[in-house]
Amino acid sequence: MTAYRQVAVHSEAWNGQVEIHPMPGQAYATDMNVQCSSRLRDTSVYPLGTCFLVEAKLTDRLGGPQYLYVWHGDDIKVMSKKEAQVFLGAYRRVRLNV
């Protein structure tokens, strides 16, 4: 069983639709799919580019491509751009030059 962990995600236009993807600077590809509540994609409430802090787990369904799963009943936590920068700065992986 994979543990849930905090992930910063944001909404963006992708292939003509609103999709949710991980923000850069984390352990996940920025084009990885995020399965979450459709409320996060509602542009009448949350404009494109809105940042969210979610509890997600990395999963795949029956050996398919990996994606991040967010339980649809979780509270929606919107982050300002500044809050997202602080969060990403705290979790950024440091690369050591050897």
PDB file of N, CA and C in Angstrom:
ATOM      1  N   MET A   1       0.840  -1.185   0.000  1.00  0.00           N
ATOM      2  CA  MET A   1       0.000   0.000   0.000  1.00  0.00           C
ATOM      3  C   MET A   1       0.882   1.245   0.000  1.00  0.00           C
ATOM      4  N   THR A   2       0.612   2.165  -0.885  1.00  0.00           N
ATOM      5  CA  THR A   2       1.390   3.390  -1.003  1.00  0.00           C
ATOM      6  C   THR A   2       0.810   4.456  -0.084  1.00  0.00           C
ATOM      7  N   ALA A   3       1.683   5.174   0.576  1.00  0.00           N
ATOM      8  CA  ALA A   3       1.246   6.217   1.508  1.00  0.00           C
ATOM      9  C   ALA A   3       0.822   7.475   0.749  1.00  0.00           C
ATOM     10  N   TYR A   4      -0.117   8.172   1.358  1.00  0.00           N
ATOM     11  CA  TYR A   4      -0.509   9.474   0.829  1.00  0.00           C
ATOM     12  C   TYR A   4       0.545  10.491   1.263  1.00  0.00           C
ATOM     13  N   ARG A   5       0.846  11.443   0.397  1.00  0.00           N
ATOM     14  CA  ARG A   5       1.763  12.517   0.754  1.00  0.00           C
ATOM     15  C   ARG A   5       1.276  13.823   0.142  1.00  0.00           C
ATOM     16  N   GLN A   6       1.719  14.910   0.731  1.00  0.00           N
ATOM     17  CA  GLN A   6       1.296  16.221   0.229  1.00  0.00           C
ATOM     18  C   GLN A   6       1.989  16.510  -1.099  1.00  0.00           C
ATOM     19  N   VAL A   7       1.198  16.997  -2.045  1.00  0.00           N
ATOM     20  CA  VAL A   7       1.690  17.332  -3.372  1.00  0.00           C
ATOM     21  C   VAL A   7       1.054  18.659  -3.784  1.00  0.00           C
ATOM     22  N   ALA A   8       1.867  19.549  -4.327  1.00  0.00           N
ATOM     23  CA  ALA A   8       1.354  20.803  -4.880  1.00  0.00           C
ATOM     24  C   ALA A   8       0.987  20.550  -6.340  1.00  0.00           C
ATOM     25  N   VAL A   9      -0.260  20.854  -6.679  1.00  0.00           N
ATOM     26  CA  VAL A   9      -0.746  20.673  -8.044  1.00  0.00           C
ATOM     27  C   VAL A   9      -1.368  21.984  -8.511  1.00  0.00           C
ATOM     28  N   HIS A  10      -1.583  22.088  -9.808  1.00  0.00           N
ATOM     29  CA  HIS A  10      -2.252  23.278 -10.332  1.00  0.00           C
ATOM     30  C   HIS A  10      -3.069  22.910 -11.558  1.00  0.00           C
ATOM     31  N   SER A  11      -4.017  23.782 -11.875  1.00  0.00           N
ATOM     32  CA  SER A  11      -4.865  23.562 -13.046  1.00  0.00           C
ATOM     33  C   SER A  11      -4.219  24.237 -14.248  1.00  0.00           C
ATOM     34  N   GLU A  12      -4.389  23.591 -15.395  1.00  0.00           N
ATOM     35  CA  GLU A  12      -3.856  24.167 -16.625  1.00  0.00           C
ATOM     36  C   GLU A  12      -4.645  23.636 -17.812  1.00  0.00           C
ATOM     37  N   ALA A  13      -4.590  24.382 -18.899  1.00  0.00           N
ATOM     38  CA  ALA A  13      -5.222  23.929 -20.134  1.00  0.00           C
ATOM     39  C   ALA A  13      -4.306  22.888 -20.755  1.00  0.00           C
ATOM     40  N   TRP A  14      -4.869  21.729 -21.071  1.00  0.00           N
ATOM     41  CA  TRP A  14      -4.082  20.618 -21.592  1.00  0.00           C
ATOM     42  C   TRP A  14      -4.930  19.906 -22.633  1.00  0.00           C
ATOM     43  N   ASN A  15      -4.488  19.922 -23.863  1.00  0.00           N
ATOM     44  CA  ASN A  15      -5.232  19.273 -24.952  1.00  0.00           C
ATOM     45  C   ASN A  15      -6.677  19.767 -25.027  1.00  0.00           C
ATOM     46  N   GLY A  16      -6.877  21.061 -24.826  1.00  0.00           N
ATOM     47  CA  GLY A  16      -8.205  21.648 -24.936  1.00  0.00           C
ATOM     48  C   GLY A  16      -9.111  21.443 -23.738  1.00  0.00           C
ATOM     49  N   GLN A  17      -8.577  20.869 -22.659  1.00  0.00           N
ATOM     50  CA  GLN A  17      -9.375  20.642 -21.455  1.00  0.00           C
ATOM     51  C   GLN A  17      -8.624  21.181 -20.247  1.00  0.00           C
ATOM     52  N   VAL A  18      -9.343  21.336 -19.148  1.00  0.00           N
ATOM     53  CA  VAL A  18      -8.712  21.728 -17.888  1.00  0.00           C
ATOM     54  C   VAL A  18      -8.271  20.456 -17.183  1.00  0.00           C
ATOM     55  N   GLU A  19      -6.975  20.366 -16.882  1.00  0.00           N
ATOM     56  CA  GLU A  19      -6.441  19.197 -16.188  1.00  0.00           C
ATOM     57  C   GLU A  19      -5.642  19.659 -14.979  1.00  0.00           C
ATOM     58  N   ILE A  20      -5.446  18.747 -14.059  1.00  0.00           N
ATOM     59  CA  ILE A  20      -4.668  19.005 -12.852  1.00  0.00           C
ATOM     60  C   ILE A  20      -3.372  18.209 -12.964  1.00  0.00           C
ATOM     61  N   HIS A  21      -2.235  18.898 -12.756  1.00  0.00           N
ATOM     62  CA  HIS A  21      -0.923  18.263 -12.853  1.00  0.00           C
ATOM     63  C   HIS A  21      -0.045  18.724 -11.698  1.00  0.00           C
ATOM     64  N   PRO A  22       0.962  17.910 -11.331  1.00  0.00           N
ATOM     65  CA  PRO A  22       1.911  18.336 -10.298  1.00  0.00           C
ATOM     66  C   PRO A  22       2.682  19.581 -10.744  1.00  0.00           C
ATOM     67  N   MET A  23       2.985  20.434  -9.792  1.00  0.00           N
ATOM     68  CA  MET A  23       3.801  21.613 -10.078  1.00  0.00           C
ATOM     69  C   MET A  23       5.263  21.184 -10.173  1.00  0.00           C
ATOM     70  N   PRO A  24       6.093  21.926 -10.916  1.00  0.00           N
ATOM     71  CA  PRO A  24       7.505  21.582 -11.051  1.00  0.00           C
ATOM     72  C   PRO A  24       8.238  21.652  -9.713  1.00  0.00           C
ATOM     73  N   GLY A  25       9.323  20.872  -9.606  1.00  0.00           N
ATOM     74  CA  GLY A  25      10.167  20.907  -8.424  1.00  0.00           C
ATOM     75  C   GLY A  25       9.855  19.828  -7.412  1.00  0.00           C
ATOM     76  N   GLN A  26       9.030  18.862  -7.796  1.00  0.00           N
ATOM     77  CA  GLN A  26       8.686  17.756  -6.911  1.00  0.00           C
ATOM     78  C   GLN A  26       9.152  16.451  -7.552  1.00  0.00           C
ATOM     79  N   ALA A  27       8.874  15.352  -6.909  1.00  0.00           N
ATOM     80  CA  ALA A  27       9.342  14.050  -7.390  1.00  0.00           C
ATOM     81  C   ALA A  27       8.488  13.498  -8.545  1.00  0.00           C
ATOM     82  N   TYR A  28       7.492  14.245  -8.992  1.00  0.00           N
ATOM     83  CA  TYR A  28       6.569  13.748 -10.009  1.00  0.00           C
ATOM     84  C   TYR A  28       6.699  14.558 -11.292  1.00  0.00           C
ATOM     85  N   ALA A  29       6.530  13.881 -12.421  1.00  0.00           N
ATOM     86  CA  ALA A  29       6.572  14.554 -13.716  1.00  0.00           C
ATOM     87  C   ALA A  29       5.434  15.575 -13.790  1.00  0.00           C
ATOM     88  N   THR A  30       5.704  16.711 -14.404  1.00  0.00           N
ATOM     89  CA  THR A  30       4.699  17.773 -14.488  1.00  0.00           C
ATOM     90  C   THR A  30       3.563  17.450 -15.446  1.00  0.00           C
ATOM     91  N   ASP A  31       3.709  16.384 -16.231  1.00  0.00           N
ATOM     92  CA  ASP A  31       2.614  15.968 -17.114  1.00  0.00           C
ATOM     93  C   ASP A  31       1.893  14.732 -16.591  1.00  0.00           C
ATOM     94  N   MET A  32       2.223  14.309 -15.354  1.00  0.00           N
ATOM     95  CA  MET A  32       1.564  13.145 -14.775  1.00  0.00           C
ATOM     96  C   MET A  32       0.093  13.470 -14.499  1.00  0.00           C
ATOM     97  N   ASN A  33      -0.772  12.524 -14.812  1.00  0.00           N
ATOM     98  CA  ASN A  33      -2.197  12.712 -14.548  1.00  0.00           C
ATOM     99  C   ASN A  33      -2.467  12.682 -13.049  1.00  0.00           C
ATOM    100  N   VAL A  34      -3.421  13.509 -12.632  1.00  0.00           N
ATOM    101  CA  VAL A  34      -3.885  13.539 -11.250  1.00  0.00           C
ATOM    102  C   VAL A  34      -5.386  13.270 -11.283  1.00  0.00           C
ATOM    103  N   GLN A  35      -5.791  12.164 -10.684  1.00  0.00           N
ATOM    104  CA  GLN A  35      -7.217  11.843 -10.594  1.00  0.00           C
ATOM    105  C   GLN A  35      -7.734  12.458  -9.307  1.00  0.00           C
ATOM    106  N   CYS A  36      -8.656  13.415  -9.432  1.00  0.00           N
ATOM    107  CA  CYS A  36      -9.157  14.144  -8.277  1.00  0.00           C
ATOM    108  C   CYS A  36     -10.580  14.595  -8.543  1.00  0.00           C
ATOM    109  N   SER A  37     -11.142  15.291  -7.582  1.00  0.00           N
ATOM    110  CA  SER A  37     -12.492  15.812  -7.721  1.00  0.00           C
ATOM    111  C   SER A  37     -12.571  16.781  -8.904  1.00  0.00           C
ATOM    112  N   SER A  38     -13.640  16.692  -9.663  1.00  0.00           N
ATOM    113  CA  SER A  38     -13.838  17.605 -10.798  1.00  0.00           C
ATOM    114  C   SER A  38     -14.012  19.046 -10.325  1.00  0.00           C
ATOM    115  N   ARG A  39     -14.270  19.235  -9.036  1.00  0.00           N
ATOM    116  CA  ARG A  39     -14.412  20.599  -8.505  1.00  0.00           C
ATOM    117  C   ARG A  39     -13.135  21.405  -8.718  1.00  0.00           C
ATOM    118  N   LEU A  40     -11.973  20.755  -8.706  1.00  0.00           N
ATOM    119  CA  LEU A  40     -10.707  21.460  -8.889  1.00  0.00           C
ATOM    120  C   LEU A  40     -10.553  21.974 -10.316  1.00  0.00           C
ATOM    121  N   ARG A  41     -11.316  21.404 -11.248  1.00  0.00           N
ATOM    122  CA  ARG A  41     -11.244  21.825 -12.652  1.00  0.00           C
ATOM    123  C   ARG A  41     -12.339  22.826 -13.016  1.00  0.00           C
ATOM    124  N   ASP A  42     -13.131  23.248 -12.049  1.00  0.00           N
ATOM    125  CA  ASP A  42     -14.238  24.177 -12.299  1.00  0.00           C
ATOM    126  C   ASP A  42     -13.691  25.602 -12.397  1.00  0.00           C
ATOM    127  N   THR A  43     -13.519  26.099 -13.631  1.00  0.00           N
ATOM    128  CA  THR A  43     -12.911  27.421 -13.832  1.00  0.00           C
ATOM    129  C   THR A  43     -13.829  28.567 -13.431  1.00  0.00           C
ATOM    130  N   SER A  44     -15.103  28.287 -13.176  1.00  0.00           N
ATOM    131  CA  SER A  44     -15.979  29.350 -12.679  1.00  0.00           C
ATOM    132  C   SER A  44     -15.696  29.628 -11.204  1.00  0.00           C
ATOM    133  N   VAL A  45     -15.056  28.684 -10.531  1.00  0.00           N
ATOM    134  CA  VAL A  45     -14.699  28.836  -9.122  1.00  0.00           C
ATOM    135  C   VAL A  45     -13.199  29.049  -8.967  1.00  0.00           C
ATOM    136  N   TYR A  46     -12.402  28.246  -9.678  1.00  0.00           N
ATOM    137  CA  TYR A  46     -10.943  28.294  -9.593  1.00  0.00           C
ATOM    138  C   TYR A  46     -10.364  28.558 -10.983  1.00  0.00           C
ATOM    139  N   PRO A  47      -9.876  29.781 -11.235  1.00  0.00           N
ATOM    140  CA  PRO A  47      -9.338  30.094 -12.568  1.00  0.00           C
ATOM    141  C   PRO A  47      -8.133  29.214 -12.911  1.00  0.00           C
ATOM    142  N   LEU A  48      -7.856  29.081 -14.205  1.00  0.00           N
ATOM    143  CA  LEU A  48      -6.675  28.336 -14.641  1.00  0.00           C
ATOM    144  C   LEU A  48      -5.446  28.847 -13.917  1.00  0.00           C
ATOM    145  N   GLY A  49      -4.583  27.932 -13.526  1.00  0.00           N
ATOM    146  CA  GLY A  49      -3.365  28.302 -12.814  1.00  0.00           C
ATOM    147  C   GLY A  49      -3.501  28.275 -11.309  1.00  0.00           C
ATOM    148  N   THR A  50      -4.710  27.991 -10.803  1.00  0.00           N
ATOM    149  CA  THR A  50      -4.901  27.910  -9.356  1.00  0.00           C
ATOM    150  C   THR A  50      -4.058  26.772  -8.796  1.00  0.00           C
ATOM    151  N   CYS A  51      -3.383  27.031  -7.678  1.00  0.00           N
ATOM    152  CA  CYS A  51      -2.539  26.039  -7.015  1.00  0.00           C
ATOM    153  C   CYS A  51      -3.311  25.411  -5.859  1.00  0.00           C
ATOM    154  N   PHE A  52      -3.168  24.112  -5.719  1.00  0.00           N
ATOM    155  CA  PHE A  52      -3.834  23.371  -4.655  1.00  0.00           C
ATOM    156  C   PHE A  52      -2.803  22.526  -3.912  1.00  0.00           C
ATOM    157  N   LEU A  53      -3.035  22.310  -2.631  1.00  0.00           N
ATOM    158  CA  LEU A  53      -2.247  21.366  -1.853  1.00  0.00           C
ATOM    159  C   LEU A  53      -3.138  20.165  -1.599  1.00  0.00           C
ATOM    160  N   VAL A  54      -2.727  19.003  -2.110  1.00  0.00           N
ATOM    161  CA  VAL A  54      -3.549  17.804  -2.000  1.00  0.00           C
ATOM    162  C   VAL A  54      -2.773  16.692  -1.294  1.00  0.00           C
ATOM    163  N   GLU A  55      -3.514  15.725  -0.780  1.00  0.00           N
ATOM    164  CA  GLU A  55      -2.945  14.484  -0.245  1.00  0.00           C
ATOM    165  C   GLU A  55      -3.138  13.450  -1.345  1.00  0.00           C
ATOM    166  N   ALA A  56      -2.045  12.990  -1.923  1.00  0.00           N
ATOM    167  CA  ALA A  56      -2.126  12.090  -3.071  1.00  0.00           C
ATOM    168  C   ALA A  56      -1.252  10.862  -2.867  1.00  0.00           C
ATOM    169  N   LYS A  57      -1.604   9.814  -3.587  1.00  0.00           N
ATOM    170  CA  LYS A  57      -0.738   8.631  -3.586  1.00  0.00           C
ATOM    171  C   LYS A  57      -0.486   8.214  -5.024  1.00  0.00           C
ATOM    172  N   LEU A  58       0.717   7.733  -5.256  1.00  0.00           N
ATOM    173  CA  LEU A  58       1.109   7.252  -6.567  1.00  0.00           C
ATOM    174  C   LEU A  58       0.519   5.861  -6.757  1.00  0.00           C
ATOM    175  N   THR A  59      -0.138   5.648  -7.870  1.00  0.00           N
ATOM    176  CA  THR A  59      -0.793   4.368  -8.107  1.00  0.00           C
ATOM    177  C   THR A  59      -0.835   4.073  -9.595  1.00  0.00           C
ATOM    178  N   ASP A  60      -1.212   2.874  -9.912  1.00  0.00           N
ATOM    179  CA  ASP A  60      -1.547   2.499 -11.282  1.00  0.00           C
ATOM    180  C   ASP A  60      -2.724   1.541 -11.189  1.00  0.00           C
ATOM    181  N   ARG A  61      -3.491   1.500 -12.208  1.00  0.00           N
ATOM    182  CA  ARG A  61      -4.649   0.616 -12.184  1.00  0.00           C
ATOM    183  C   ARG A  61      -4.368  -0.566 -13.096  1.00  0.00           C
ATOM    184  N   LEU A  62      -4.255  -1.718 -12.489  1.00  0.00           N
ATOM    185  CA  LEU A  62      -4.045  -2.964 -13.228  1.00  0.00           C
ATOM    186  C   LEU A  62      -2.851  -2.877 -14.178  1.00  0.00           C
ATOM    187  N   GLY A  63      -1.759  -2.308 -13.683  1.00  0.00           N
ATOM    188  CA  GLY A  63      -0.534  -2.275 -14.473  1.00  0.00           C
ATOM    189  C   GLY A  63      -0.488  -1.205 -15.547  1.00  0.00           C
ATOM    190  N   GLY A  64      -1.442  -0.280 -15.555  1.00  0.00           N
ATOM    191  CA  GLY A  64      -1.435   0.807 -16.529  1.00  0.00           C
ATOM    192  C   GLY A  64      -0.436   1.885 -16.136  1.00  0.00           C
ATOM    193  N   PRO A  65      -0.473   3.030 -16.800  1.00  0.00           N
ATOM    194  CA  PRO A  65       0.469   4.110 -16.458  1.00  0.00           C
ATOM    195  C   PRO A  65       0.221   4.636 -15.041  1.00  0.00           C
ATOM    196  N   GLN A  66       1.285   5.076 -14.402  1.00  0.00           N
ATOM    197  CA  GLN A  66       1.154   5.623 -13.056  1.00  0.00           C
ATOM    198  C   GLN A  66       0.469   6.981 -13.097  1.00  0.00           C
ATOM    199  N   TYR A  67      -0.242   7.282 -12.015  1.00  0.00           N
ATOM    200  CA  TYR A  67      -0.889   8.578 -11.852  1.00  0.00           C
ATOM    201  C   TYR A  67      -1.019   8.848 -10.360  1.00  0.00           C
ATOM    202  N   LEU A  68      -1.356  10.091 -10.024  1.00  0.00           N
ATOM    203  CA  LEU A  68      -1.584  10.462  -8.632  1.00  0.00           C
ATOM    204  C   LEU A  68      -3.081  10.404  -8.354  1.00  0.00           C
ATOM    205  N   TYR A  69      -3.437   9.745  -7.258  1.00  0.00           N
ATOM    206  CA  TYR A  69      -4.837   9.617  -6.872  1.00  0.00           C
ATOM    207  C   TYR A  69      -5.091  10.485  -5.644  1.00  0.00           C
ATOM    208  N   VAL A  70      -6.125  11.317  -5.727  1.00  0.00           N
ATOM    209  CA  VAL A  70      -6.570  12.162  -4.618  1.00  0.00           C
ATOM    210  C   VAL A  70      -8.013  11.770  -4.319  1.00  0.00           C
ATOM    211  N   TRP A  71      -8.295  11.451  -3.056  1.00  0.00           N
ATOM    212  CA  TRP A  71      -9.654  11.082  -2.693  1.00  0.00           C
ATOM    213  C   TRP A  71     -10.598  12.245  -2.967  1.00  0.00           C
ATOM    214  N   HIS A  72     -11.691  11.977  -3.662  1.00  0.00           N
ATOM    215  CA  HIS A  72     -12.623  13.016  -4.114  1.00  0.00           C
ATOM    216  C   HIS A  72     -13.330  13.753  -2.987  1.00  0.00           C
ATOM    217  N   GLY A  73     -13.356  13.190  -1.776  1.00  0.00           N
ATOM    218  CA  GLY A  73     -14.033  13.833  -0.665  1.00  0.00           C
ATOM    219  C   GLY A  73     -13.154  14.735   0.174  1.00  0.00           C
ATOM    220  N   ASP A  74     -11.861  14.824  -0.166  1.00  0.00           N
ATOM    221  CA  ASP A  74     -10.956  15.687   0.599  1.00  0.00           C
ATOM    222  C   ASP A  74     -11.353  17.158   0.476  1.00  0.00           C
ATOM    223  N   ASP A  75     -11.068  17.922   1.532  1.00  0.00           N
ATOM    224  CA  ASP A  75     -11.271  19.367   1.468  1.00  0.00           C
ATOM    225  C   ASP A  75     -10.338  19.955   0.410  1.00  0.00           C
ATOM    226  N   ILE A  76     -10.785  21.025  -0.229  1.00  0.00           N
ATOM    227  CA  ILE A  76      -9.960  21.700  -1.233  1.00  0.00           C
ATOM    228  C   ILE A  76      -9.131  22.766  -0.527  1.00  0.00           C
ATOM    229  N   LYS A  77      -7.826  22.676  -0.681  1.00  0.00           N
ATOM    230  CA  LYS A  77      -6.900  23.627  -0.070  1.00  0.00           C
ATOM    231  C   LYS A  77      -6.227  24.421  -1.178  1.00  0.00           C
ATOM    232  N   VAL A  78      -6.654  25.663  -1.355  1.00  0.00           N
ATOM    233  CA  VAL A  78      -6.072  26.543  -2.359  1.00  0.00           C
ATOM    234  C   VAL A  78      -4.847  27.216  -1.754  1.00  0.00           C
ATOM    235  N   MET A  79      -3.787  27.303  -2.552  1.00  0.00           N
ATOM    236  CA  MET A  79      -2.566  27.988  -2.112  1.00  0.00           C
ATOM    237  C   MET A  79      -2.327  29.205  -2.991  1.00  0.00           C
ATOM    238  N   SER A  80      -1.868  30.281  -2.368  1.00  0.00           N
ATOM    239  CA  SER A  80      -1.431  31.436  -3.147  1.00  0.00           C
ATOM    240  C   SER A  80      -0.127  31.059  -3.844  1.00  0.00           C
ATOM    241  N   LYS A  81       0.290  31.846  -4.823  1.00  0.00           N
ATOM    242  CA  LYS A  81       1.565  31.587  -5.511  1.00  0.00           C
ATOM    243  C   LYS A  81       2.716  31.601  -4.510  1.00  0.00           C
ATOM    244  N   LYS A  82       2.673  32.520  -3.553  1.00  0.00           N
ATOM    245  CA  LYS A  82       3.728  32.609  -2.534  1.00  0.00           C
ATOM    246  C   LYS A  82       3.743  31.358  -1.657  1.00  0.00           C
ATOM    247  N   GLU A  83       2.565  30.907  -1.208  1.00  0.00           N
ATOM    248  CA  GLU A  83       2.482  29.691  -0.392  1.00  0.00           C
ATOM    249  C   GLU A  83       3.011  28.479  -1.164  1.00  0.00           C
ATOM    250  N   ALA A  84       2.702  28.419  -2.461  1.00  0.00           N
ATOM    251  CA  ALA A  84       3.187  27.309  -3.288  1.00  0.00           C
ATOM    252  C   ALA A  84       4.710  27.357  -3.398  1.00  0.00           C
ATOM    253  N   GLN A  85       5.279  28.550  -3.557  1.00  0.00           N
ATOM    254  CA  GLN A  85       6.740  28.674  -3.639  1.00  0.00           C
ATOM    255  C   GLN A  85       7.399  28.216  -2.337  1.00  0.00           C
ATOM    256  N   VAL A  86       6.820  28.595  -1.210  1.00  0.00           N
ATOM    257  CA  VAL A  86       7.366  28.183   0.087  1.00  0.00           C
ATOM    258  C   VAL A  86       7.288  26.659   0.226  1.00  0.00           C
ATOM    259  N   PHE A  87       6.143  26.074  -0.123  1.00  0.00           N
ATOM    260  CA  PHE A  87       5.982  24.630  -0.041  1.00  0.00           C
ATOM    261  C   PHE A  87       7.000  23.922  -0.932  1.00  0.00           C
ATOM    262  N   LEU A  88       7.109  24.366  -2.178  1.00  0.00           N
ATOM    263  CA  LEU A  88       8.035  23.726  -3.109  1.00  0.00           C
ATOM    264  C   LEU A  88       9.483  23.908  -2.675  1.00  0.00           C
ATOM    265  N   GLY A  89       9.807  25.054  -2.105  1.00  0.00           N
ATOM    266  CA  GLY A  89      11.164  25.296  -1.619  1.00  0.00           C
ATOM    267  C   GLY A  89      11.530  24.356  -0.485  1.00  0.00           C
ATOM    268  N   ALA A  90      10.564  24.028   0.361  1.00  0.00           N
ATOM    269  CA  ALA A  90      10.821  23.147   1.502  1.00  0.00           C
ATOM    270  C   ALA A  90      11.005  21.698   1.060  1.00  0.00           C
ATOM    271  N   TYR A  91      10.444  21.313  -0.070  1.00  0.00           N
ATOM    272  CA  TYR A  91      10.501  19.923  -0.514  1.00  0.00           C
ATOM    273  C   TYR A  91      11.371  19.695  -1.734  1.00  0.00           C
ATOM    274  N   ARG A  92      12.007  20.734  -2.204  1.00  0.00           N
ATOM    275  CA  ARG A  92      12.864  20.596  -3.393  1.00  0.00           C
ATOM    276  C   ARG A  92      14.021  19.654  -3.112  1.00  0.00           C
ATOM    277  N   ARG A  93      14.252  18.762  -4.008  1.00  0.00           N
ATOM    278  CA  ARG A  93      15.364  17.829  -3.835  1.00  0.00           C
ATOM    279  C   ARG A  93      16.676  18.536  -4.149  1.00  0.00           C
ATOM    280  N   VAL A  94      17.648  18.314  -3.344  1.00  0.00           N
ATOM    281  CA  VAL A  94      18.956  18.911  -3.543  1.00  0.00           C
ATOM    282  C   VAL A  94      19.830  17.906  -4.283  1.00  0.00           C
ATOM    283  N   ARG A  95      20.463  18.364  -5.338  1.00  0.00           N
ATOM    284  CA  ARG A  95      21.388  17.500  -6.080  1.00  0.00           C
ATOM    285  C   ARG A  95      22.805  17.861  -5.663  1.00  0.00           C
ATOM    286  N   LEU A  96      23.549  16.851  -5.347  1.00  0.00           N
ATOM    287  CA  LEU A  96      24.935  17.049  -4.950  1.00  0.00           C
ATOM    288  C   LEU A  96      25.850  16.800  -6.126  1.00  0.00           C
ATOM    289  N   ASN A  97      26.788  17.685  -6.330  1.00  0.00           N
ATOM    290  CA  ASN A  97      27.792  17.469  -7.366  1.00  0.00           C
ATOM    291  C   ASN A  97      28.912  16.629  -6.770  1.00  0.00           C
ATOM    292  N   VAL A  98      29.210  15.533  -7.419  1.00  0.00           N
ATOM    293  CA  VAL A  98      30.259  14.648  -6.911  1.00  0.00           C
ATOM    294  C   VAL A  98      31.452  14.716  -7.819  1.00  0.00           C
TER     295      VAL A  98
END
